[in-house]
Amino acid sequence: MPGAIPDRLRTELTMGVSSISGVGTRRLLDNPIVSDTAEALRRGPLRTLLQNFVAVQCTGFFKTASDNWAVRRHRDRVVVVKSAIGWEGVGEKEGLNCARPPLEHMAQLLAVRLHLDSAHEGDLEVIPGSHRVDSNADSGPTLVSVPQCGALVMRPLLLHGSKKLQVSTKRRVLHYLFAPGNLGVQWYYAA
């Protein structure tokens, strides 16, 4: 979806995350502009989808020519929580308590991938329909290109991956995770 955030936030957001680098940090909701952007996503063109959801995590992926990697196809299964009874604990990452929700809870979450750059090679490769618990995901991969400051909304259980950058100088993605307010979990973040 193009234009997922207001124009006034674009420069502020890209400047606000310009000093962040690396494979991925889960602590981005500590950054006020990143949490403000989560609220802008909830109130903007995605409001119908996100109206009963809260932002519970934002992971940053910042590829550059010197810090470049491929991501094999996978499903996102780990979330940041304060506590969650009955969820499998998986330890700490960056000082944050992480857990693996049961599939029925994970299936209710929504991921919003906000692309800060217009790098189209190395875009996300997905297996359509693979997010359904009963899916056998026998279709081939589909490349999804997202325009600068556009967003891709997906279920975290969707099989997805990406290739290394070949031409572009950078590719920055904010991967927000939104959860419905009725899961009975104490989230570390609840923006």
Protein backbone atom coordinates (compact mmCIF):
# COMPACT_ATOMS: atom_id res chain seq x y z
CA MET A 1 0.00 0.00 0.00
CA PRO A 2 1.61 3.29 -1.06
CA GLY A 3 1.27 6.32 1.20
CA ALA A 4 0.89 4.31 4.39
CA ILE A 5 2.20 7.21 6.49
CA PRO A 6 1.62 10.96 6.17
CA ASP A 7 4.17 12.95 4.17
CA ARG A 8 5.12 14.98 7.26
CA LEU A 9 6.39 11.80 8.95
CA ARG A 10 8.56 10.57 6.07
CA THR A 11 11.56 12.83 6.59
CA GLU A 12 11.28 12.76 10.37
CA LEU A 13 11.12 8.96 10.38
CA THR A 14 13.96 8.35 7.94
CA MET A 15 16.16 10.83 9.84
CA GLY A 16 15.13 9.30 13.17
CA VAL A 17 16.29 5.82 12.19
CA SER A 18 19.30 6.87 10.09
CA SER A 19 21.81 6.04 12.84
CA ILE A 20 20.44 2.52 13.37
CA SER A 21 22.20 -0.30 11.56
CA GLY A 22 22.49 -4.05 11.69
CA VAL A 23 20.59 -7.23 11.12
CA GLY A 24 17.63 -6.40 13.32
CA THR A 25 16.74 -4.79 16.58
CA ARG A 26 13.48 -5.43 18.41
CA ARG A 27 13.72 -2.31 20.58
CA LEU A 28 12.57 0.27 18.04
CA LEU A 29 9.33 1.13 19.85
CA ASP A 30 11.62 2.81 22.43
CA ASN A 31 12.20 5.45 19.73
CA PRO A 32 9.41 8.10 19.91
CA ILE A 33 9.22 8.62 16.12
CA VAL A 34 8.88 4.87 15.55
CA SER A 35 6.07 4.59 18.12
CA ASP A 36 4.41 7.74 16.68
CA THR A 37 4.54 6.08 13.27
CA ALA A 38 2.80 3.00 14.69
CA GLU A 39 -0.03 5.26 15.78
CA ALA A 40 -0.05 6.97 12.36
CA LEU A 41 -0.41 3.53 10.75
CA ARG A 42 -3.36 2.76 13.04
CA ARG A 43 -5.09 6.05 12.18
CA GLY A 44 -4.18 6.27 8.48
CA PRO A 45 -5.18 4.20 5.45
CA LEU A 46 -4.81 0.98 7.51
CA ARG A 47 -7.25 2.08 10.23
CA THR A 48 -9.96 -0.39 9.19
CA LEU A 49 -7.53 -3.30 9.62
CA LEU A 50 -5.77 -2.00 12.74
CA GLN A 51 -8.56 -0.24 14.67
CA ASN A 52 -8.71 -2.85 17.45
CA PHE A 53 -4.97 -3.60 17.45
CA VAL A 54 -2.00 -2.25 19.40
CA ALA A 55 1.63 -2.11 18.28
CA VAL A 56 3.53 -4.65 20.39
CA GLN A 57 6.88 -4.82 18.59
CA CYS A 58 8.89 -3.13 15.87
CA THR A 59 11.96 -4.77 14.40
CA GLY A 60 14.28 -2.85 12.12
CA PHE A 61 16.07 -4.41 9.18
CA PHE A 62 18.70 -2.13 7.68
CA LYS A 63 20.61 -3.59 4.73
CA THR A 64 23.49 -1.69 3.15
CA ALA A 65 26.21 -2.61 0.67
CA SER A 66 28.54 -3.41 3.60
CA ASP A 67 25.92 -4.97 5.91
CA ASN A 68 24.00 -7.24 3.56
CA TRP A 69 22.41 -10.63 4.05
CA ALA A 70 19.80 -13.02 2.68
CA VAL A 71 16.90 -14.33 4.77
CA ARG A 72 15.69 -17.86 4.10
CA ARG A 73 11.94 -18.44 3.98
CA HIS A 74 10.47 -18.65 7.44
CA ARG A 75 7.44 -17.87 9.58
CA ASP A 76 7.71 -15.33 12.39
CA ARG A 77 6.95 -17.15 15.65
CA VAL A 78 8.66 -15.16 18.44
CA VAL A 79 7.25 -12.02 20.07
CA VAL A 80 8.35 -9.67 22.84
CA VAL A 81 6.24 -9.91 26.03
CA LYS A 82 6.35 -9.01 29.71
CA SER A 83 4.53 -12.22 30.55
CA ALA A 84 2.26 -14.69 28.83
CA ILE A 85 0.85 -17.68 30.66
CA GLY A 86 0.92 -20.84 28.57
CA TRP A 87 3.28 -19.44 25.93
CA GLU A 88 6.64 -21.11 25.38
CA GLY A 89 9.46 -18.92 26.65
CA VAL A 90 12.44 -18.70 24.34
CA GLY A 91 14.76 -16.50 26.41
CA GLU A 92 15.95 -12.94 26.08
CA LYS A 93 16.94 -10.94 23.02
CA GLU A 94 18.37 -7.47 23.55
CA GLY A 95 17.28 -7.68 27.18
CA LEU A 96 13.65 -8.33 26.20
CA ASN A 97 11.65 -11.39 27.25
CA CYS A 98 10.63 -13.36 24.16
CA ALA A 99 8.00 -16.07 23.83
CA ARG A 100 6.45 -18.29 21.18
CA PRO A 101 2.65 -17.95 21.19
CA PRO A 102 0.38 -20.88 20.40
CA LEU A 103 -0.49 -20.97 16.68
CA GLU A 104 -4.08 -19.85 17.28
CA HIS A 105 -2.79 -16.66 18.95
CA MET A 106 -0.04 -16.08 16.39
CA ALA A 107 -2.62 -16.38 13.61
CA GLN A 108 -4.45 -13.33 15.02
CA LEU A 109 -1.43 -10.99 14.80
CA LEU A 110 -0.75 -8.66 11.89
CA ALA A 111 2.64 -7.54 10.61
CA VAL A 112 3.04 -4.23 8.81
CA ARG A 113 6.32 -3.90 6.90
CA LEU A 114 7.01 -0.22 6.28
CA HIS A 115 9.69 0.26 3.59
CA LEU A 116 11.70 3.44 4.02
CA ASP A 117 13.60 3.15 0.72
CA SER A 118 12.69 2.37 -2.86
CA ALA A 119 15.09 -0.57 -3.30
CA HIS A 120 13.14 -3.10 -5.37
CA GLU A 121 15.65 -5.87 -5.82
CA GLY A 122 15.87 -8.07 -2.78
CA ASP A 123 12.22 -7.39 -2.02
CA LEU A 124 10.18 -9.82 -0.01
CA GLU A 125 9.47 -13.26 -1.44
CA VAL A 126 6.28 -14.84 -0.06
CA ILE A 127 4.36 -18.09 -0.45
CA PRO A 128 0.72 -17.00 -0.87
CA GLY A 129 -1.73 -18.67 1.51
CA SER A 130 1.01 -20.21 3.66
CA HIS A 131 -0.13 -18.28 6.75
CA ARG A 132 -3.18 -20.50 7.17
CA VAL A 133 -2.62 -23.18 9.77
CA ASP A 134 -4.31 -25.77 7.55
CA SER A 135 -2.41 -24.70 4.41
CA ASN A 136 -0.09 -27.04 2.56
CA ALA A 137 1.50 -23.98 0.83
CA ASP A 138 2.14 -25.73 -2.45
CA SER A 139 2.19 -22.57 -4.60
CA GLY A 140 5.44 -21.08 -5.80
CA PRO A 141 7.02 -17.92 -4.39
CA THR A 142 5.77 -14.44 -5.30
CA LEU A 143 7.97 -11.33 -5.18
CA VAL A 144 6.31 -8.39 -3.46
CA SER A 145 7.63 -4.90 -4.22
CA VAL A 146 6.69 -2.10 -1.86
CA PRO A 147 7.19 1.56 -2.82
CA GLN A 148 9.13 4.00 -0.65
CA CYS A 149 7.16 4.69 2.55
CA GLY A 150 4.63 2.10 1.48
CA ALA A 151 3.49 -0.80 3.61
CA LEU A 152 2.86 -4.50 3.20
CA VAL A 153 0.33 -6.00 5.60
CA MET A 154 0.74 -9.72 6.22
CA ARG A 155 0.20 -12.42 8.80
CA PRO A 156 3.45 -13.28 10.62
CA LEU A 157 2.89 -16.97 9.82
CA LEU A 158 3.18 -16.26 6.08
CA LEU A 159 6.29 -17.96 4.69
CA HIS A 160 8.60 -15.12 3.64
CA GLY A 161 12.25 -14.38 2.93
CA SER A 162 14.49 -12.04 0.95
CA LYS A 163 17.71 -12.02 -1.06
CA LYS A 164 20.81 -9.92 -0.64
CA LEU A 165 20.90 -6.46 -2.18
CA GLN A 166 22.60 -6.59 -5.58
CA VAL A 167 22.30 -3.02 -6.86
CA SER A 168 20.69 -0.72 -4.30
CA THR A 169 22.84 1.00 -1.70
CA LYS A 170 20.39 0.52 1.16
CA ARG A 171 17.11 -1.03 2.13
CA ARG A 172 15.53 -0.11 5.45
CA VAL A 173 12.38 -1.81 6.68
CA LEU A 174 10.44 -1.31 9.90
CA HIS A 175 8.59 -4.53 10.67
CA TYR A 176 5.74 -3.66 13.03
CA LEU A 177 3.79 -6.33 14.85
CA PHE A 178 0.22 -5.50 15.86
CA ALA A 179 -1.94 -7.59 18.18
CA PRO A 180 -5.63 -7.51 19.04
CA GLY A 181 -6.28 -6.25 22.54
CA ASN A 182 -8.04 -9.43 23.67
CA LEU A 183 -5.23 -12.01 23.88
CA GLY A 184 -4.76 -11.71 27.65
CA VAL A 185 -1.02 -11.06 27.35
CA GLN A 186 1.14 -8.48 29.07
CA TRP A 187 3.06 -6.96 26.18
CA TYR A 188 6.39 -5.29 26.80
CA TYR A 189 5.29 -2.60 24.36
CA ALA A 190 1.70 -1.60 23.81
CA ALA A 191 1.87 1.62 21.77
